[in-house]
Amino acid sequence: ERPLVRRRDFERFTGHDIVVKGYAPLVDRGKRLEGELLGLVDGPDGEAVRLRLEDGEEVEVARKDVARAHLVFHWNG
């Protein structure tokens, strides 16, 4: 569950599953989102984290709204 803090962290772990926790509900879904990290993009509110959620929807969350982001650990067993 490695935390993602710097831009370099988000770029390095593109394609991995992450959890994003917000200060308030994110993209009208809740304070916690889990999905595949698609990378960082420049959005209308500055830098944004792009995710593909489990239902296949792709969303962008402004980094200023992210309280914490970290990798999801999957057990191989």
C-alpha atoms as a PDB file:
ATOM      1  CA  GLU A   1       0.000   0.000   0.000  1.00  0.00           C
ATOM      2  CA  ARG A   2       2.668   2.444  -1.096  1.00  0.00           C
ATOM      3  CA  PRO A   3       1.497   6.064  -0.882  1.00  0.00           C
ATOM      4  CA  LEU A   4       1.471   8.129  -4.075  1.00  0.00           C
ATOM      5  CA  VAL A   5       2.573  11.664  -3.326  1.00  0.00           C
ATOM      6  CA  ARG A   6       4.667  13.152  -6.112  1.00  0.00           C
ATOM      7  CA  ARG A   7       3.906  13.409  -9.823  1.00  0.00           C
ATOM      8  CA  ARG A   8       6.690  10.891 -10.409  1.00  0.00           C
ATOM      9  CA  ASP A   9       4.857   8.349  -8.189  1.00  0.00           C
ATOM     10  CA  PHE A  10       1.687   8.628 -10.255  1.00  0.00           C
ATOM     11  CA  GLU A  11       3.619   8.329 -13.520  1.00  0.00           C
ATOM     12  CA  ARG A  12       5.636   5.328 -12.307  1.00  0.00           C
ATOM     13  CA  PHE A  13       2.593   3.323 -11.212  1.00  0.00           C
ATOM     14  CA  THR A  14       0.361   3.992 -14.217  1.00  0.00           C
ATOM     15  CA  GLY A  15      -1.522   0.761 -14.945  1.00  0.00           C
ATOM     16  CA  HIS A  16      -1.637  -0.337 -11.287  1.00  0.00           C
ATOM     17  CA  ASP A  17      -4.714  -0.410  -9.047  1.00  0.00           C
ATOM     18  CA  ILE A  18      -4.921   2.452  -6.574  1.00  0.00           C
ATOM     19  CA  VAL A  19      -7.248   3.910  -3.959  1.00  0.00           C
ATOM     20  CA  VAL A  20      -7.939   7.638  -3.895  1.00  0.00           C
ATOM     21  CA  LYS A  21      -9.473   9.209  -0.792  1.00  0.00           C
ATOM     22  CA  GLY A  22     -10.909  12.704  -0.964  1.00  0.00           C
ATOM     23  CA  TYR A  23     -11.660  15.493   1.443  1.00  0.00           C
ATOM     24  CA  ALA A  24     -15.239  15.408   0.133  1.00  0.00           C
ATOM     25  CA  PRO A  25     -17.149  13.114  -2.252  1.00  0.00           C
ATOM     26  CA  LEU A  26     -15.235  12.630  -5.512  1.00  0.00           C
ATOM     27  CA  VAL A  27     -17.003  12.809  -8.899  1.00  0.00           C
ATOM     28  CA  ASP A  28     -20.367  12.408  -7.108  1.00  0.00           C
ATOM     29  CA  ARG A  29     -19.490   8.874  -5.942  1.00  0.00           C
ATOM     30  CA  GLY A  30     -18.056   8.998  -2.439  1.00  0.00           C
ATOM     31  CA  LYS A  31     -14.910   9.880  -0.554  1.00  0.00           C
ATOM     32  CA  ARG A  32     -13.117   6.682  -1.662  1.00  0.00           C
ATOM     33  CA  LEU A  33     -12.514   5.541  -5.227  1.00  0.00           C
ATOM     34  CA  GLU A  34     -10.657   2.447  -6.351  1.00  0.00           C
ATOM     35  CA  GLY A  35      -9.519   1.702  -9.877  1.00  0.00           C
ATOM     36  CA  GLU A  36      -6.712   1.431 -12.392  1.00  0.00           C
ATOM     37  CA  LEU A  37      -4.429   4.456 -12.535  1.00  0.00           C
ATOM     38  CA  LEU A  38      -4.387   5.815 -16.086  1.00  0.00           C
ATOM     39  CA  GLY A  39      -2.003   8.653 -15.231  1.00  0.00           C
ATOM     40  CA  LEU A  40      -2.056  12.370 -14.565  1.00  0.00           C
ATOM     41  CA  VAL A  41      -3.616  14.912 -16.897  1.00  0.00           C
ATOM     42  CA  ASP A  42      -3.901  18.683 -16.929  1.00  0.00           C
ATOM     43  CA  GLY A  43      -7.532  19.467 -16.165  1.00  0.00           C
ATOM     44  CA  PRO A  44      -9.599  22.615 -15.673  1.00  0.00           C
ATOM     45  CA  ASP A  45      -8.713  22.636 -11.945  1.00  0.00           C
ATOM     46  CA  GLY A  46      -5.010  21.968 -12.555  1.00  0.00           C
ATOM     47  CA  GLU A  47      -3.453  18.528 -12.382  1.00  0.00           C
ATOM     48  CA  ALA A  48      -5.900  15.599 -12.171  1.00  0.00           C
ATOM     49  CA  VAL A  49      -5.628  11.872 -11.479  1.00  0.00           C
ATOM     50  CA  ARG A  50      -7.261   9.777 -14.215  1.00  0.00           C
ATOM     51  CA  LEU A  51      -8.788   6.440 -13.128  1.00  0.00           C
ATOM     52  CA  ARG A  52     -10.662   3.565 -14.745  1.00  0.00           C
ATOM     53  CA  LEU A  53     -13.176   2.367 -12.166  1.00  0.00           C
ATOM     54  CA  GLU A  54     -14.333  -1.239 -11.765  1.00  0.00           C
ATOM     55  CA  ASP A  55     -17.444  -0.577 -13.882  1.00  0.00           C
ATOM     56  CA  GLY A  56     -15.202   0.593 -16.751  1.00  0.00           C
ATOM     57  CA  GLU A  57     -16.003   4.294 -16.386  1.00  0.00           C
ATOM     58  CA  GLU A  58     -13.031   6.648 -16.668  1.00  0.00           C
ATOM     59  CA  VAL A  59     -12.989   9.622 -14.300  1.00  0.00           C
ATOM     60  CA  GLU A  60     -10.669  12.496 -13.444  1.00  0.00           C
ATOM     61  CA  VAL A  61     -10.140  13.708  -9.888  1.00  0.00           C
ATOM     62  CA  ALA A  62      -8.395  17.034  -9.272  1.00  0.00           C
ATOM     63  CA  ARG A  63      -5.249  16.474  -7.182  1.00  0.00           C
ATOM     64  CA  LYS A  64      -6.253  19.344  -4.920  1.00  0.00           C
ATOM     65  CA  ASP A  65      -9.297  17.260  -3.891  1.00  0.00           C
ATOM     66  CA  VAL A  66      -7.203  14.169  -3.046  1.00  0.00           C
ATOM     67  CA  ALA A  67      -6.463  13.702   0.652  1.00  0.00           C
ATOM     68  CA  ARG A  68      -4.536  10.459   0.094  1.00  0.00           C
ATOM     69  CA  ALA A  69      -3.702   8.025  -2.696  1.00  0.00           C
ATOM     70  CA  HIS A  70      -1.992   4.655  -2.435  1.00  0.00           C
ATOM     71  CA  LEU A  71      -1.410   1.414  -4.321  1.00  0.00           C
ATOM     72  CA  VAL A  72      -3.722  -1.559  -3.703  1.00  0.00           C
ATOM     73  CA  PHE A  73      -1.936  -4.698  -2.577  1.00  0.00           C
ATOM     74  CA  HIS A  74      -3.239  -7.911  -4.218  1.00  0.00           C
ATOM     75  CA  TRP A  75      -2.456 -11.268  -2.620  1.00  0.00           C
ATOM     76  CA  ASN A  76      -1.200 -13.865  -5.079  1.00  0.00           C
ATOM     77  CA  GLY A  77      -2.437 -17.070  -3.567  1.00  0.00           C
END
